[in-house]
Full PDB file with SEQRES, HELIX, SHEET, SSBOND, CRYST1, ORIGX, SCALE, CONECT and MASTER records, all heavy atoms in Angstrom:
SEQRES   1 A   35  VAL GLU ILE ASN PHE SER PRO ASP GLN PRO GLY ARG GLN          
SEQRES   2 A   35  GLY HIS MET THR CYS PHE GLY PHE GLY VAL LYS ILE GLN          
SEQRES   3 A   35  ARG LEU LEU TYR GLU GLN SER PRO SER                          
HELIX    1 AA1 ARG A   27  TYR A   30  1                                   4    
SHEET    1 AA1 2 GLU A   2  PRO A   7  0                                        
SHEET    2 AA1 2 MET A  16  GLY A  22 -1                                        
CRYST1    1.000    1.000    1.000  90.00  90.00  90.00 P 1           1          
ORIGX1      1.000000  0.000000  0.000000        0.00000                         
ORIGX2      0.000000  1.000000  0.000000        0.00000                         
ORIGX3      0.000000  0.000000  1.000000        0.00000                         
SCALE1      1.000000  0.000000  0.000000        0.00000                         
SCALE2      0.000000  1.000000  0.000000        0.00000                         
SCALE3      0.000000  0.000000  1.000000        0.00000                         
ATOM      1  N   VAL A   1      98.897  57.198  95.329  1.00  0.00           N  
ATOM      2  CA  VAL A   1     100.212  56.431  95.499  1.00  0.00           C  
ATOM      3  C   VAL A   1     100.700  55.852  94.113  1.00  0.00           C  
ATOM      4  O   VAL A   1      99.904  55.123  93.534  1.00  0.00           O  
ATOM      5  CB  VAL A   1     100.235  55.379  96.598  1.00  0.00           C  
ATOM      6  CG1 VAL A   1     101.575  54.787  96.869  1.00  0.00           C  
ATOM      7  CG2 VAL A   1      99.756  56.033  97.813  1.00  0.00           C  
ATOM      8  N   GLU A   2     101.871  56.262  93.835  1.00  0.00           N  
ATOM      9  CA  GLU A   2     102.576  55.694  92.523  1.00  0.00           C  
ATOM     10  C   GLU A   2     103.815  55.026  92.888  1.00  0.00           C  
ATOM     11  O   GLU A   2     104.729  55.664  93.609  1.00  0.00           O  
ATOM     12  CB  GLU A   2     102.766  56.794  91.591  1.00  0.00           C  
ATOM     13  CG  GLU A   2     103.233  56.379  90.294  1.00  0.00           C  
ATOM     14  CD  GLU A   2     103.274  57.494  89.251  1.00  0.00           C  
ATOM     15  OE1 GLU A   2     102.147  57.959  88.712  1.00  0.00           O  
ATOM     16  OE2 GLU A   2     104.411  58.010  89.038  1.00  0.00           O  
ATOM     17  N   ILE A   3     104.031  53.782  92.586  1.00  0.00           N  
ATOM     18  CA  ILE A   3     105.261  53.013  92.970  1.00  0.00           C  
ATOM     19  C   ILE A   3     106.036  52.646  91.732  1.00  0.00           C  
ATOM     20  O   ILE A   3     105.416  52.243  90.573  1.00  0.00           O  
ATOM     21  CB  ILE A   3     104.891  51.738  93.694  1.00  0.00           C  
ATOM     22  CG1 ILE A   3     103.911  52.042  94.848  1.00  0.00           C  
ATOM     23  CG2 ILE A   3     106.035  50.937  94.179  1.00  0.00           C  
ATOM     24  CD1 ILE A   3     102.575  51.512  94.830  1.00  0.00           C  
ATOM     25  N   ASN A   4     107.376  52.620  91.767  1.00  0.00           N  
ATOM     26  CA  ASN A   4     108.222  52.249  90.665  1.00  0.00           C  
ATOM     27  C   ASN A   4     109.073  51.020  90.984  1.00  0.00           C  
ATOM     28  O   ASN A   4     109.609  51.003  92.183  1.00  0.00           O  
ATOM     29  CB  ASN A   4     109.157  53.416  90.371  1.00  0.00           C  
ATOM     30  CG  ASN A   4     108.437  54.641  89.844  1.00  0.00           C  
ATOM     31  OD1 ASN A   4     107.949  54.641  88.715  1.00  0.00           O  
ATOM     32  ND2 ASN A   4     108.376  55.692  90.670  1.00  0.00           N  
ATOM     33  N   PHE A   5     109.046  49.967  90.165  1.00  0.00           N  
ATOM     34  CA  PHE A   5     109.689  48.837  90.494  1.00  0.00           C  
ATOM     35  C   PHE A   5     110.690  48.554  89.383  1.00  0.00           C  
ATOM     36  O   PHE A   5     110.606  48.945  88.236  1.00  0.00           O  
ATOM     37  CB  PHE A   5     108.787  47.592  90.432  1.00  0.00           C  
ATOM     38  CG  PHE A   5     107.647  47.672  91.486  1.00  0.00           C  
ATOM     39  CD1 PHE A   5     106.388  48.120  91.086  1.00  0.00           C  
ATOM     40  CD2 PHE A   5     107.921  47.199  92.817  1.00  0.00           C  
ATOM     41  CE1 PHE A   5     105.384  48.228  92.090  1.00  0.00           C  
ATOM     42  CE2 PHE A   5     106.917  47.264  93.662  1.00  0.00           C  
ATOM     43  CZ  PHE A   5     105.594  47.765  93.266  1.00  0.00           C  
ATOM     44  N   SER A   6     111.783  47.872  89.701  1.00  0.00           N  
ATOM     45  CA  SER A   6     112.856  47.419  88.747  1.00  0.00           C  
ATOM     46  C   SER A   6     113.269  45.997  89.185  1.00  0.00           C  
ATOM     47  O   SER A   6     112.964  45.474  90.231  1.00  0.00           O  
ATOM     48  CB  SER A   6     114.042  48.310  88.749  1.00  0.00           C  
ATOM     49  OG  SER A   6     114.718  48.173  89.968  1.00  0.00           O  
ATOM     50  N   PRO A   7     113.802  45.284  88.097  1.00  0.00           N  
ATOM     51  CA  PRO A   7     114.252  43.854  88.526  1.00  0.00           C  
ATOM     52  C   PRO A   7     115.245  43.979  89.621  1.00  0.00           C  
ATOM     53  O   PRO A   7     116.153  44.871  89.701  1.00  0.00           O  
ATOM     54  CB  PRO A   7     114.935  43.490  87.211  1.00  0.00           C  
ATOM     55  CG  PRO A   7     114.364  44.429  86.103  1.00  0.00           C  
ATOM     56  CD  PRO A   7     114.136  45.558  86.858  1.00  0.00           C  
ATOM     57  N   ASP A   8     115.106  43.135  90.741  1.00  0.00           N  
ATOM     58  CA  ASP A   8     115.996  43.276  91.811  1.00  0.00           C  
ATOM     59  C   ASP A   8     117.348  42.715  91.629  1.00  0.00           C  
ATOM     60  O   ASP A   8     118.263  43.220  92.254  1.00  0.00           O  
ATOM     61  CB  ASP A   8     115.293  42.724  93.070  1.00  0.00           C  
ATOM     62  CG  ASP A   8     115.054  41.152  93.027  1.00  0.00           C  
ATOM     63  OD1 ASP A   8     115.239  40.600  91.958  1.00  0.00           O  
ATOM     64  OD2 ASP A   8     114.809  40.598  94.021  1.00  0.00           O  
ATOM     65  N   GLN A   9     117.507  41.804  90.745  1.00  0.00           N  
ATOM     66  CA  GLN A   9     118.946  41.149  90.376  1.00  0.00           C  
ATOM     67  C   GLN A   9     118.915  40.887  88.959  1.00  0.00           C  
ATOM     68  O   GLN A   9     117.916  40.229  88.458  1.00  0.00           O  
ATOM     69  CB  GLN A   9     118.948  39.852  91.245  1.00  0.00           C  
ATOM     70  CG  GLN A   9     119.123  40.111  92.707  1.00  0.00           C  
ATOM     71  CD  GLN A   9     119.278  38.796  93.412  1.00  0.00           C  
ATOM     72  OE1 GLN A   9     119.411  37.740  92.906  1.00  0.00           O  
ATOM     73  NE2 GLN A   9     119.150  38.864  94.809  1.00  0.00           N  
ATOM     74  N   PRO A  10     120.017  41.242  88.385  1.00  0.00           N  
ATOM     75  CA  PRO A  10     120.113  40.822  86.880  1.00  0.00           C  
ATOM     76  C   PRO A  10     120.100  39.318  86.765  1.00  0.00           C  
ATOM     77  O   PRO A  10     120.536  38.564  87.532  1.00  0.00           O  
ATOM     78  CB  PRO A  10     121.532  41.300  86.488  1.00  0.00           C  
ATOM     79  CG  PRO A  10     121.922  42.334  87.606  1.00  0.00           C  
ATOM     80  CD  PRO A  10     121.154  42.030  88.742  1.00  0.00           C  
ATOM     81  N   GLY A  11     119.308  38.897  85.758  1.00  0.00           N  
ATOM     82  CA  GLY A  11     119.202  37.468  85.402  1.00  0.00           C  
ATOM     83  C   GLY A  11     117.986  36.796  86.223  1.00  0.00           C  
ATOM     84  O   GLY A  11     117.784  35.675  85.909  1.00  0.00           O  
ATOM     85  N   ARG A  12     117.525  37.444  87.167  1.00  0.00           N  
ATOM     86  CA  ARG A  12     116.333  36.970  87.905  1.00  0.00           C  
ATOM     87  C   ARG A  12     115.067  37.456  87.347  1.00  0.00           C  
ATOM     88  O   ARG A  12     114.473  38.427  87.984  1.00  0.00           O  
ATOM     89  CB  ARG A  12     116.497  37.214  89.354  1.00  0.00           C  
ATOM     90  CG  ARG A  12     115.574  36.375  90.275  1.00  0.00           C  
ATOM     91  CD  ARG A  12     115.882  36.620  91.623  1.00  0.00           C  
ATOM     92  NE  ARG A  12     114.783  36.106  92.501  1.00  0.00           N  
ATOM     93  CZ  ARG A  12     114.554  36.283  93.759  1.00  0.00           C  
ATOM     94  NH1 ARG A  12     115.453  37.202  94.405  1.00  0.00           N  
ATOM     95  NH2 ARG A  12     113.594  35.798  94.422  1.00  0.00           N  
ATOM     96  N   GLN A  13     114.631  36.963  86.194  1.00  0.00           N  
ATOM     97  CA  GLN A  13     113.513  37.521  85.454  1.00  0.00           C  
ATOM     98  C   GLN A  13     112.171  37.512  86.226  1.00  0.00           C  
ATOM     99  O   GLN A  13     112.017  36.438  86.845  1.00  0.00           O  
ATOM    100  CB  GLN A  13     113.435  36.758  84.168  1.00  0.00           C  
ATOM    101  CG  GLN A  13     112.544  37.404  83.192  1.00  0.00           C  
ATOM    102  CD  GLN A  13     112.808  37.186  81.768  1.00  0.00           C  
ATOM    103  OE1 GLN A  13     113.816  36.745  81.472  1.00  0.00           O  
ATOM    104  NE2 GLN A  13     111.803  37.221  80.969  1.00  0.00           N  
ATOM    105  N   GLY A  14     111.472  38.608  86.143  1.00  0.00           N  
ATOM    106  CA  GLY A  14     110.155  38.467  86.743  1.00  0.00           C  
ATOM    107  C   GLY A  14     110.023  38.886  88.116  1.00  0.00           C  
ATOM    108  O   GLY A  14     109.019  39.325  88.734  1.00  0.00           O  
ATOM    109  N   HIS A  15     111.222  38.962  88.942  1.00  0.00           N  
ATOM    110  CA  HIS A  15     111.089  39.425  90.292  1.00  0.00           C  
ATOM    111  C   HIS A  15     111.541  40.866  90.343  1.00  0.00           C  
ATOM    112  O   HIS A  15     112.551  41.214  90.017  1.00  0.00           O  
ATOM    113  CB  HIS A  15     112.044  38.551  91.254  1.00  0.00           C  
ATOM    114  CG  HIS A  15     111.714  38.786  92.613  1.00  0.00           C  
ATOM    115  ND1 HIS A  15     112.401  39.624  93.396  1.00  0.00           N  
ATOM    116  CD2 HIS A  15     110.693  38.186  93.402  1.00  0.00           C  
ATOM    117  CE1 HIS A  15     112.015  39.608  94.605  1.00  0.00           C  
ATOM    118  NE2 HIS A  15     110.918  38.844  94.680  1.00  0.00           N  
ATOM    119  N   MET A  16     110.663  41.739  90.890  1.00  0.00           N  
ATOM    120  CA  MET A  16     110.891  43.135  90.941  1.00  0.00           C  
ATOM    121  C   MET A  16     110.814  43.659  92.436  1.00  0.00           C  
ATOM    122  O   MET A  16     110.090  43.121  93.168  1.00  0.00           O  
ATOM    123  CB  MET A  16     109.929  43.882  89.955  1.00  0.00           C  
ATOM    124  CG  MET A  16     109.954  43.348  88.572  1.00  0.00           C  
ATOM    125  SD  MET A  16     108.961  44.391  87.586  1.00  0.00           S  
ATOM    126  CE  MET A  16     110.095  45.530  86.909  1.00  0.00           C  
ATOM    127  N   THR A  17     111.435  44.732  92.674  1.00  0.00           N  
ATOM    128  CA  THR A  17     111.429  45.446  93.937  1.00  0.00           C  
ATOM    129  C   THR A  17     111.167  46.966  93.751  1.00  0.00           C  
ATOM    130  O   THR A  17     111.568  47.501  92.660  1.00  0.00           O  
ATOM    131  CB  THR A  17     112.633  45.130  94.860  1.00  0.00           C  
ATOM    132  OG1 THR A  17     113.750  45.570  94.032  1.00  0.00           O  
ATOM    133  CG2 THR A  17     112.782  43.764  95.182  1.00  0.00           C  
ATOM    134  N   CYS A  18     110.567  47.608  94.802  1.00  0.00           N  
ATOM    135  CA  CYS A  18     110.439  49.042  94.756  1.00  0.00           C  
ATOM    136  C   CYS A  18     111.686  49.713  94.824  1.00  0.00           C  
ATOM    137  O   CYS A  18     112.467  49.556  95.796  1.00  0.00           O  
ATOM    138  CB  CYS A  18     109.452  49.377  95.788  1.00  0.00           C  
ATOM    139  SG  CYS A  18     109.219  51.115  96.033  1.00  0.00           S  
ATOM    140  N   PHE A  19     111.924  50.687  93.904  1.00  0.00           N  
ATOM    141  CA  PHE A  19     113.066  51.561  93.930  1.00  0.00           C  
ATOM    142  C   PHE A  19     112.732  53.047  94.219  1.00  0.00           C  
ATOM    143  O   PHE A  19     113.579  53.852  94.500  1.00  0.00           O  
ATOM    144  CB  PHE A  19     114.138  51.436  92.860  1.00  0.00           C  
ATOM    145  CG  PHE A  19     113.416  52.074  91.501  1.00  0.00           C  
ATOM    146  CD1 PHE A  19     113.583  53.305  91.172  1.00  0.00           C  
ATOM    147  CD2 PHE A  19     112.725  51.206  90.624  1.00  0.00           C  
ATOM    148  CE1 PHE A  19     113.031  53.950  90.037  1.00  0.00           C  
ATOM    149  CE2 PHE A  19     112.205  51.708  89.383  1.00  0.00           C  
ATOM    150  CZ  PHE A  19     112.441  53.059  89.080  1.00  0.00           C  
ATOM    151  N   GLY A  20     111.465  53.330  94.191  1.00  0.00           N  
ATOM    152  CA  GLY A  20     110.903  54.625  94.659  1.00  0.00           C  
ATOM    153  C   GLY A  20     109.420  54.703  94.528  1.00  0.00           C  
ATOM    154  O   GLY A  20     108.780  53.831  93.780  1.00  0.00           O  
ATOM    155  N   PHE A  21     108.776  55.536  95.390  1.00  0.00           N  
ATOM    156  CA  PHE A  21     107.384  55.730  95.268  1.00  0.00           C  
ATOM    157  C   PHE A  21     107.060  57.158  95.635  1.00  0.00           C  
ATOM    158  O   PHE A  21     107.932  57.863  96.292  1.00  0.00           O  
ATOM    159  CB  PHE A  21     106.657  54.732  96.232  1.00  0.00           C  
ATOM    160  CG  PHE A  21     106.888  54.963  97.749  1.00  0.00           C  
ATOM    161  CD1 PHE A  21     105.993  55.800  98.375  1.00  0.00           C  
ATOM    162  CD2 PHE A  21     107.844  54.289  98.338  1.00  0.00           C  
ATOM    163  CE1 PHE A  21     106.199  55.857  99.768  1.00  0.00           C  
ATOM    164  CE2 PHE A  21     108.153  54.561  99.761  1.00  0.00           C  
ATOM    165  CZ  PHE A  21     107.199  55.269 100.396  1.00  0.00           C  
ATOM    166  N   GLY A  22     105.888  57.460  95.271  1.00  0.00           N  
ATOM    167  CA  GLY A  22     105.442  58.947  95.625  1.00  0.00           C  
ATOM    168  C   GLY A  22     104.008  58.938  96.004  1.00  0.00           C  
ATOM    169  O   GLY A  22     103.197  58.201  95.686  1.00  0.00           O  
ATOM    170  N   VAL A  23     103.756  59.809  96.941  1.00  0.00           N  
ATOM    171  CA  VAL A  23     102.323  60.232  97.187  1.00  0.00           C  
ATOM    172  C   VAL A  23     101.959  61.548  96.569  1.00  0.00           C  
ATOM    173  O   VAL A  23     102.515  62.520  96.740  1.00  0.00           O  
ATOM    174  CB  VAL A  23     102.213  60.384  98.714  1.00  0.00           C  
ATOM    175  CG1 VAL A  23     100.722  60.783  99.109  1.00  0.00           C  
ATOM    176  CG2 VAL A  23     102.599  59.128  99.530  1.00  0.00           C  
ATOM    177  N   LYS A  24     101.172  61.383  95.404  1.00  0.00           N  
ATOM    178  CA  LYS A  24     100.869  62.503  94.548  1.00  0.00           C  
ATOM    179  C   LYS A  24      99.679  63.290  94.980  1.00  0.00           C  
ATOM    180  O   LYS A  24      98.581  63.085  94.322  1.00  0.00           O  
ATOM    181  CB  LYS A  24     100.615  61.790  93.206  1.00  0.00           C  
ATOM    182  CG  LYS A  24     101.855  60.929  92.691  1.00  0.00           C  
ATOM    183  CD  LYS A  24     103.178  61.653  92.687  1.00  0.00           C  
ATOM    184  CE  LYS A  24     104.290  60.758  92.155  1.00  0.00           C  
ATOM    185  NZ  LYS A  24     105.542  61.385  92.138  1.00  0.00           N  
ATOM    186  N   ILE A  25      99.870  64.096  95.976  1.00  0.00           N  
ATOM    187  CA  ILE A  25      98.816  64.904  96.548  1.00  0.00           C  
ATOM    188  C   ILE A  25      98.024  65.717  95.481  1.00  0.00           C  
ATOM    189  O   ILE A  25      96.909  65.992  95.574  1.00  0.00           O  
ATOM    190  CB  ILE A  25      99.353  65.754  97.703  1.00  0.00           C  
ATOM    191  CG1 ILE A  25      99.890  64.835  98.687  1.00  0.00           C  
ATOM    192  CG2 ILE A  25      98.242  66.661  98.263  1.00  0.00           C  
ATOM    193  CD1 ILE A  25     100.719  65.448  99.780  1.00  0.00           C  
ATOM    194  N   GLN A  26      98.795  66.160  94.428  1.00  0.00           N  
ATOM    195  CA  GLN A  26      98.221  67.145  93.354  1.00  0.00           C  
ATOM    196  C   GLN A  26      97.070  66.447  92.692  1.00  0.00           C  
ATOM    197  O   GLN A  26      96.174  67.179  92.182  1.00  0.00           O  
ATOM    198  CB  GLN A  26      99.338  67.711  92.421  1.00  0.00           C  
ATOM    199  CG  GLN A  26      99.687  66.674  91.387  1.00  0.00           C  
ATOM    200  CD  GLN A  26     100.644  65.518  91.649  1.00  0.00           C  
ATOM    201  OE1 GLN A  26     100.998  65.418  92.801  1.00  0.00           O  
ATOM    202  NE2 GLN A  26     101.098  64.855  90.746  1.00  0.00           N  
ATOM    203  N   ARG A  27      97.134  65.070  92.574  1.00  0.00           N  
ATOM    204  CA  ARG A  27      96.002  64.444  91.979  1.00  0.00           C  
ATOM    205  C   ARG A  27      94.638  64.531  92.656  1.00  0.00           C  
ATOM    206  O   ARG A  27      93.616  64.306  92.019  1.00  0.00           O  
ATOM    207  CB  ARG A  27      96.340  62.912  91.954  1.00  0.00           C  
ATOM    208  CG  ARG A  27      97.489  62.572  90.955  1.00  0.00           C  
ATOM    209  CD  ARG A  27      97.885  61.124  90.775  1.00  0.00           C  
ATOM    210  NE  ARG A  27      98.913  60.865  89.888  1.00  0.00           N  
ATOM    211  CZ  ARG A  27      99.446  59.855  89.705  1.00  0.00           C  
ATOM    212  NH1 ARG A  27      98.993  58.723  90.400  1.00  0.00           N  
ATOM    213  NH2 ARG A  27     100.471  59.657  88.741  1.00  0.00           N  
ATOM    214  N   LEU A  28      94.633  64.873  93.953  1.00  0.00           N  
ATOM    215  CA  LEU A  28      93.392  65.024  94.565  1.00  0.00           C  
ATOM    216  C   LEU A  28      92.580  66.278  94.172  1.00  0.00           C  
ATOM    217  O   LEU A  28      91.350  66.294  94.236  1.00  0.00           O  
ATOM    218  CB  LEU A  28      93.544  65.171  96.086  1.00  0.00           C  
ATOM    219  CG  LEU A  28      94.214  64.026  96.803  1.00  0.00           C  
ATOM    220  CD1 LEU A  28      94.635  64.193  98.235  1.00  0.00           C  
ATOM    221  CD2 LEU A  28      93.349  62.782  96.728  1.00  0.00           C  
ATOM    222  N   LEU A  29      93.317  67.247  93.445  1.00  0.00           N  
ATOM    223  CA  LEU A  29      92.594  68.316  92.782  1.00  0.00           C  
ATOM    224  C   LEU A  29      92.138  67.895  91.425  1.00  0.00           C  
ATOM    225  O   LEU A  29      91.146  68.356  90.992  1.00  0.00           O  
ATOM    226  CB  LEU A  29      93.473  69.528  92.687  1.00  0.00           C  
ATOM    227  CG  LEU A  29      93.608  70.394  93.720  1.00  0.00           C  
ATOM    228  CD1 LEU A  29      94.609  71.555  93.549  1.00  0.00           C  
ATOM    229  CD2 LEU A  29      92.306  71.107  94.119  1.00  0.00           C  
ATOM    230  N   TYR A  30      92.817  67.013  90.729  1.00  0.00           N  
ATOM    231  CA  TYR A  30      92.515  66.566  89.374  1.00  0.00           C  
ATOM    232  C   TYR A  30      91.507  65.508  89.400  1.00  0.00           C  
ATOM    233  O   TYR A  30      90.574  65.480  88.548  1.00  0.00           O  
ATOM    234  CB  TYR A  30      93.739  66.242  88.695  1.00  0.00           C  
ATOM    235  CG  TYR A  30      94.808  67.115  88.563  1.00  0.00           C  
ATOM    236  CD1 TYR A  30      96.092  66.756  88.781  1.00  0.00           C  
ATOM    237  CD2 TYR A  30      94.633  68.504  88.181  1.00  0.00           C  
ATOM    238  CE1 TYR A  30      97.256  67.689  88.665  1.00  0.00           C  
ATOM    239  CE2 TYR A  30      95.642  69.439  88.059  1.00  0.00           C  
ATOM    240  CZ  TYR A  30      96.926  69.029  88.341  1.00  0.00           C  
ATOM    241  OH  TYR A  30      97.970  69.892  88.232  1.00  0.00           O  
ATOM    242  N   GLU A  31      91.642  64.520  90.147  1.00  0.00           N  
ATOM    243  CA  GLU A  31      90.700  63.308  90.131  1.00  0.00           C  
ATOM    244  C   GLU A  31      89.759  63.430  91.268  1.00  0.00           C  
ATOM    245  O   GLU A  31      90.147  63.260  92.498  1.00  0.00           O  
ATOM    246  CB  GLU A  31      91.708  62.082  90.230  1.00  0.00           C  
ATOM    247  CG  GLU A  31      92.639  62.009  88.980  1.00  0.00           C  
ATOM    248  CD  GLU A  31      93.677  60.908  89.134  1.00  0.00           C  
ATOM    249  OE1 GLU A  31      93.305  59.986  89.876  1.00  0.00           O  
ATOM    250  OE2 GLU A  31      94.739  61.013  88.571  1.00  0.00           O  
ATOM    251  N   GLN A  32      88.569  63.436  90.961  1.00  0.00           N  
ATOM    252  CA  GLN A  32      87.498  63.471  91.975  1.00  0.00           C  
ATOM    253  C   GLN A  32      86.915  62.130  92.252  1.00  0.00           C  
ATOM    254  O   GLN A  32      85.960  61.987  92.992  1.00  0.00           O  
ATOM    255  CB  GLN A  32      86.391  64.438  91.577  1.00  0.00           C  
ATOM    256  CG  GLN A  32      86.891  65.871  91.331  1.00  0.00           C  
ATOM    257  CD  GLN A  32      87.564  66.478  92.534  1.00  0.00           C  
ATOM    258  OE1 GLN A  32      87.055  66.215  93.699  1.00  0.00           O  
ATOM    259  NE2 GLN A  32      88.616  67.116  92.324  1.00  0.00           N  
ATOM    260  N   SER A  33      87.486  61.035  91.662  1.00  0.00           N  
ATOM    261  CA  SER A  33      86.956  59.702  91.885  1.00  0.00           C  
ATOM    262  C   SER A  33      87.206  59.236  93.352  1.00  0.00           C  
ATOM    263  O   SER A  33      88.323  59.381  93.819  1.00  0.00           O  
ATOM    264  CB  SER A  33      87.644  58.848  90.832  1.00  0.00           C  
ATOM    265  OG  SER A  33      87.371  57.323  91.103  1.00  0.00           O  
ATOM    266  N   PRO A  34      86.290  58.472  93.868  1.00  0.00           N  
ATOM    267  CA  PRO A  34      86.600  57.814  95.173  1.00  0.00           C  
ATOM    268  C   PRO A  34      87.844  56.843  95.118  1.00  0.00           C  
ATOM    269  O   PRO A  34      88.366  56.572  96.144  1.00  0.00           O  
ATOM    270  CB  PRO A  34      85.269  57.116  95.584  1.00  0.00           C  
ATOM    271  CG  PRO A  34      84.345  57.633  94.686  1.00  0.00           C  
ATOM    272  CD  PRO A  34      85.017  58.170  93.396  1.00  0.00           C  
ATOM    273  N   SER A  35      88.071  56.261  94.003  1.00  0.00           N  
ATOM    274  CA  SER A  35      89.180  55.496  93.809  1.00  0.00           C  
ATOM    275  C   SER A  35      90.705  56.048  93.833  1.00  0.00           C  
ATOM    276  O   SER A  35      91.556  55.455  93.842  1.00  0.00           O  
ATOM    277  CB  SER A  35      89.067  54.560  92.597  1.00  0.00           C  
ATOM    278  OG  SER A  35      89.198  55.237  91.444  1.00  0.00           O  
TER     279      SER A  35                                                      
MASTER        0    0    0    1    2    0    0    6  278    1    0    3          
END                                                                             
């Protein structure tokens, strides 16, 4: 799972919210790590 965050309001520094995420199934072929 990969998540993208951006500042949720201009001027409110440090507070971020998710604007998109993906379940990257292709990584299961590339990465054999349990993590």
